[in-house]
Amino acid sequence: MAQRLHLVFGGELVDPSKNVFRNVDDIHIVGIFPDYQSAYNAWKAEAQRTVDNAHMRYYIAHLHRLRDEESSESATEELGD
């Protein structure tokens, strides 16, 4: 079975109605997780920890979707050309 990595990260947004970080240098990388459930648990813990700050948001990025193993060339490989 293929490994499906997930990245959990977050930070303070400029406006709670948009997905624009106030300072990209301050993005909090929670970690990379081997499955969605463990990533979700980490996301939920951080979201609950920062619930009093309406500008804080945490996200789960599906790293396994960045590269299509079935294709000989993925979108991420094309960026390096």
N, C-alpha and C. Protein backbone atom coordinates (compact mmCIF):
# COMPACT_ATOMS: atom_id res chain seq x y z
N MET A 1 0.83 -1.18 0.00
CA MET A 1 0.00 0.00 0.00
C MET A 1 0.88 1.25 0.00
N ALA A 2 0.51 2.23 -0.78
CA ALA A 2 1.28 3.47 -0.89
C ALA A 2 1.15 4.28 0.39
N GLN A 3 2.23 4.94 0.75
CA GLN A 3 2.21 5.81 1.92
C GLN A 3 1.56 7.13 1.53
N ARG A 4 0.69 7.64 2.37
CA ARG A 4 -0.03 8.88 2.08
C ARG A 4 0.31 9.91 3.16
N LEU A 5 1.35 10.70 2.87
CA LEU A 5 1.83 11.68 3.83
C LEU A 5 0.95 12.92 3.86
N HIS A 6 0.84 13.51 5.05
CA HIS A 6 0.04 14.72 5.25
C HIS A 6 0.85 15.71 6.07
N LEU A 7 0.82 16.97 5.68
CA LEU A 7 1.51 18.05 6.38
C LEU A 7 0.46 18.88 7.13
N VAL A 8 0.72 19.14 8.40
CA VAL A 8 -0.16 19.99 9.19
C VAL A 8 0.62 21.28 9.50
N PHE A 9 0.02 22.41 9.15
CA PHE A 9 0.68 23.70 9.35
C PHE A 9 -0.38 24.77 9.60
N GLY A 10 0.05 25.90 10.11
CA GLY A 10 -0.89 26.98 10.34
C GLY A 10 -0.20 28.25 10.76
N GLY A 11 -1.00 29.26 10.96
CA GLY A 11 -0.47 30.55 11.38
C GLY A 11 -1.56 31.59 11.43
N GLU A 12 -1.14 32.80 11.67
CA GLU A 12 -2.08 33.90 11.80
C GLU A 12 -2.40 34.48 10.42
N LEU A 13 -3.68 34.67 10.16
CA LEU A 13 -4.14 35.20 8.88
C LEU A 13 -4.32 36.72 8.96
N VAL A 14 -4.18 37.37 7.81
CA VAL A 14 -4.43 38.81 7.73
C VAL A 14 -5.89 39.10 8.02
N ASP A 15 -6.76 38.28 7.44
CA ASP A 15 -8.21 38.45 7.57
C ASP A 15 -8.81 37.05 7.73
N PRO A 16 -9.61 36.81 8.76
CA PRO A 16 -10.17 35.47 8.97
C PRO A 16 -11.01 34.94 7.81
N SER A 17 -11.46 35.80 6.92
CA SER A 17 -12.27 35.34 5.80
C SER A 17 -11.43 34.99 4.56
N LYS A 18 -10.10 35.13 4.67
CA LYS A 18 -9.20 34.82 3.55
C LYS A 18 -8.10 33.87 4.02
N ASN A 19 -7.44 33.22 3.09
CA ASN A 19 -6.35 32.30 3.41
C ASN A 19 -5.00 32.94 3.10
N VAL A 20 -4.75 34.12 3.66
CA VAL A 20 -3.49 34.82 3.45
C VAL A 20 -2.82 34.99 4.81
N PHE A 21 -1.61 34.43 4.95
CA PHE A 21 -0.91 34.51 6.22
C PHE A 21 -0.36 35.92 6.45
N ARG A 22 -0.42 36.36 7.70
CA ARG A 22 0.11 37.67 8.09
C ARG A 22 1.62 37.72 7.86
N ASN A 23 2.33 36.67 8.27
CA ASN A 23 3.79 36.62 8.10
C ASN A 23 4.18 35.18 7.78
N VAL A 24 4.60 34.94 6.58
CA VAL A 24 4.95 33.59 6.14
C VAL A 24 6.10 33.02 6.97
N ASP A 25 6.99 33.87 7.44
CA ASP A 25 8.11 33.41 8.27
C ASP A 25 7.65 32.83 9.61
N ASP A 26 6.45 33.16 10.04
CA ASP A 26 5.93 32.69 11.31
C ASP A 26 5.00 31.49 11.19
N ILE A 27 4.91 30.88 10.00
CA ILE A 27 4.05 29.71 9.85
C ILE A 27 4.56 28.59 10.75
N HIS A 28 3.63 28.01 11.48
CA HIS A 28 3.95 26.92 12.42
C HIS A 28 3.79 25.58 11.69
N ILE A 29 4.90 24.87 11.52
CA ILE A 29 4.86 23.54 10.93
C ILE A 29 4.67 22.55 12.09
N VAL A 30 3.50 21.97 12.15
CA VAL A 30 3.20 21.01 13.22
C VAL A 30 3.94 19.71 12.96
N GLY A 31 3.90 19.25 11.70
CA GLY A 31 4.62 18.03 11.36
C GLY A 31 4.07 17.34 10.12
N ILE A 32 4.74 16.28 9.75
CA ILE A 32 4.33 15.43 8.64
C ILE A 32 3.87 14.10 9.24
N PHE A 33 2.72 13.63 8.79
CA PHE A 33 2.09 12.46 9.39
C PHE A 33 1.84 11.39 8.33
N PRO A 34 1.91 10.11 8.73
CA PRO A 34 1.83 9.01 7.76
C PRO A 34 0.42 8.67 7.28
N ASP A 35 -0.59 9.25 7.91
CA ASP A 35 -1.96 8.97 7.49
C ASP A 35 -2.86 10.14 7.87
N TYR A 36 -4.03 10.17 7.28
CA TYR A 36 -4.94 11.29 7.50
C TYR A 36 -5.41 11.38 8.96
N GLN A 37 -5.69 10.24 9.57
CA GLN A 37 -6.21 10.26 10.95
C GLN A 37 -5.23 10.91 11.92
N SER A 38 -3.97 10.56 11.83
CA SER A 38 -2.99 11.17 12.74
C SER A 38 -2.79 12.65 12.41
N ALA A 39 -2.86 13.02 11.14
CA ALA A 39 -2.78 14.43 10.75
C ALA A 39 -3.99 15.18 11.27
N TYR A 40 -5.16 14.58 11.16
CA TYR A 40 -6.37 15.21 11.67
C TYR A 40 -6.30 15.43 13.18
N ASN A 41 -5.79 14.45 13.90
CA ASN A 41 -5.66 14.57 15.36
C ASN A 41 -4.73 15.73 15.72
N ALA A 42 -3.61 15.86 15.00
CA ALA A 42 -2.67 16.96 15.24
C ALA A 42 -3.31 18.30 14.88
N TRP A 43 -4.01 18.34 13.75
CA TRP A 43 -4.70 19.57 13.33
C TRP A 43 -5.72 19.99 14.38
N LYS A 44 -6.51 19.05 14.85
CA LYS A 44 -7.55 19.35 15.82
C LYS A 44 -6.95 19.88 17.13
N ALA A 45 -5.86 19.28 17.58
CA ALA A 45 -5.21 19.73 18.81
C ALA A 45 -4.73 21.17 18.68
N GLU A 46 -4.10 21.51 17.55
CA GLU A 46 -3.62 22.89 17.34
C GLU A 46 -4.78 23.86 17.18
N ALA A 47 -5.81 23.45 16.46
CA ALA A 47 -6.97 24.32 16.27
C ALA A 47 -7.65 24.61 17.61
N GLN A 48 -7.76 23.61 18.45
CA GLN A 48 -8.38 23.81 19.76
C GLN A 48 -7.49 24.65 20.68
N ARG A 49 -6.18 24.47 20.56
CA ARG A 49 -5.24 25.24 21.38
C ARG A 49 -5.30 26.73 21.08
N THR A 50 -5.60 27.07 19.83
CA THR A 50 -5.60 28.47 19.39
C THR A 50 -7.01 29.02 19.14
N VAL A 51 -8.01 28.37 19.69
CA VAL A 51 -9.40 28.72 19.41
C VAL A 51 -9.74 30.16 19.81
N ASP A 52 -9.04 30.73 20.76
CA ASP A 52 -9.34 32.10 21.20
C ASP A 52 -8.84 33.18 20.24
N ASN A 53 -8.02 32.81 19.28
CA ASN A 53 -7.51 33.77 18.29
C ASN A 53 -8.22 33.52 16.96
N ALA A 54 -9.15 34.38 16.60
CA ALA A 54 -9.96 34.20 15.40
C ALA A 54 -9.12 34.25 14.12
N HIS A 55 -7.91 34.80 14.19
CA HIS A 55 -7.07 34.91 13.01
C HIS A 55 -6.17 33.69 12.79
N MET A 56 -6.13 32.79 13.74
CA MET A 56 -5.28 31.60 13.62
C MET A 56 -6.02 30.50 12.86
N ARG A 57 -5.33 29.89 11.90
CA ARG A 57 -5.90 28.78 11.14
C ARG A 57 -4.84 27.70 10.95
N TYR A 58 -5.26 26.47 11.03
CA TYR A 58 -4.40 25.33 10.74
C TYR A 58 -5.00 24.54 9.59
N TYR A 59 -4.12 23.93 8.80
CA TYR A 59 -4.53 23.23 7.58
C TYR A 59 -3.86 21.87 7.51
N ILE A 60 -4.48 20.98 6.76
CA ILE A 60 -3.89 19.69 6.42
C ILE A 60 -3.63 19.70 4.92
N ALA A 61 -2.37 19.52 4.54
CA ALA A 61 -2.00 19.42 3.12
C ALA A 61 -1.74 17.96 2.80
N HIS A 62 -2.34 17.48 1.74
CA HIS A 62 -2.19 16.08 1.32
C HIS A 62 -0.95 15.98 0.44
N LEU A 63 0.20 15.71 1.06
CA LEU A 63 1.46 15.68 0.31
C LEU A 63 1.47 14.59 -0.76
N HIS A 64 0.77 13.51 -0.52
CA HIS A 64 0.75 12.42 -1.50
C HIS A 64 0.08 12.85 -2.81
N ARG A 65 -0.68 13.92 -2.78
CA ARG A 65 -1.34 14.39 -4.00
C ARG A 65 -0.43 15.27 -4.85
N LEU A 66 0.70 15.67 -4.31
CA LEU A 66 1.62 16.52 -5.06
C LEU A 66 2.36 15.75 -6.15
N ARG A 67 2.43 14.46 -6.00
CA ARG A 67 3.16 13.65 -6.98
C ARG A 67 2.29 12.47 -7.39
N ASP A 68 2.07 12.34 -8.66
CA ASP A 68 1.29 11.23 -9.21
C ASP A 68 2.26 10.14 -9.61
N GLU A 69 2.32 9.09 -8.82
CA GLU A 69 3.27 8.00 -9.08
C GLU A 69 2.94 7.23 -10.36
N GLU A 70 1.73 7.33 -10.85
CA GLU A 70 1.34 6.63 -12.06
C GLU A 70 1.85 7.34 -13.32
N SER A 71 2.17 8.62 -13.18
CA SER A 71 2.62 9.42 -14.31
C SER A 71 4.15 9.46 -14.32
N SER A 72 4.74 9.40 -15.51
CA SER A 72 6.20 9.45 -15.60
C SER A 72 6.73 10.84 -15.25
N GLU A 73 5.88 11.85 -15.36
CA GLU A 73 6.30 13.21 -15.03
C GLU A 73 5.15 13.90 -14.30
N SER A 74 5.43 14.39 -13.10
CA SER A 74 4.38 15.05 -12.33
C SER A 74 4.54 16.56 -12.41
N ALA A 75 3.55 17.28 -11.95
CA ALA A 75 3.59 18.75 -11.98
C ALA A 75 4.77 19.28 -11.18
N THR A 76 5.13 18.62 -10.07
CA THR A 76 6.24 19.10 -9.26
C THR A 76 7.57 18.92 -9.98
N GLU A 77 7.71 17.85 -10.77
CA GLU A 77 8.94 17.66 -11.53
C GLU A 77 9.07 18.73 -12.62
N GLU A 78 7.96 19.14 -13.20
CA GLU A 78 8.00 20.13 -14.27
C GLU A 78 8.50 21.48 -13.77
N LEU A 79 8.31 21.78 -12.49
CA LEU A 79 8.75 23.07 -11.96
C LEU A 79 10.28 23.20 -12.01
N GLY A 80 10.98 22.10 -11.90
CA GLY A 80 12.45 22.14 -11.89
C GLY A 80 13.06 22.29 -13.28
N ASP A 81 12.29 22.10 -14.32
CA ASP A 81 12.85 22.18 -15.70
C ASP A 81 13.09 23.60 -16.15
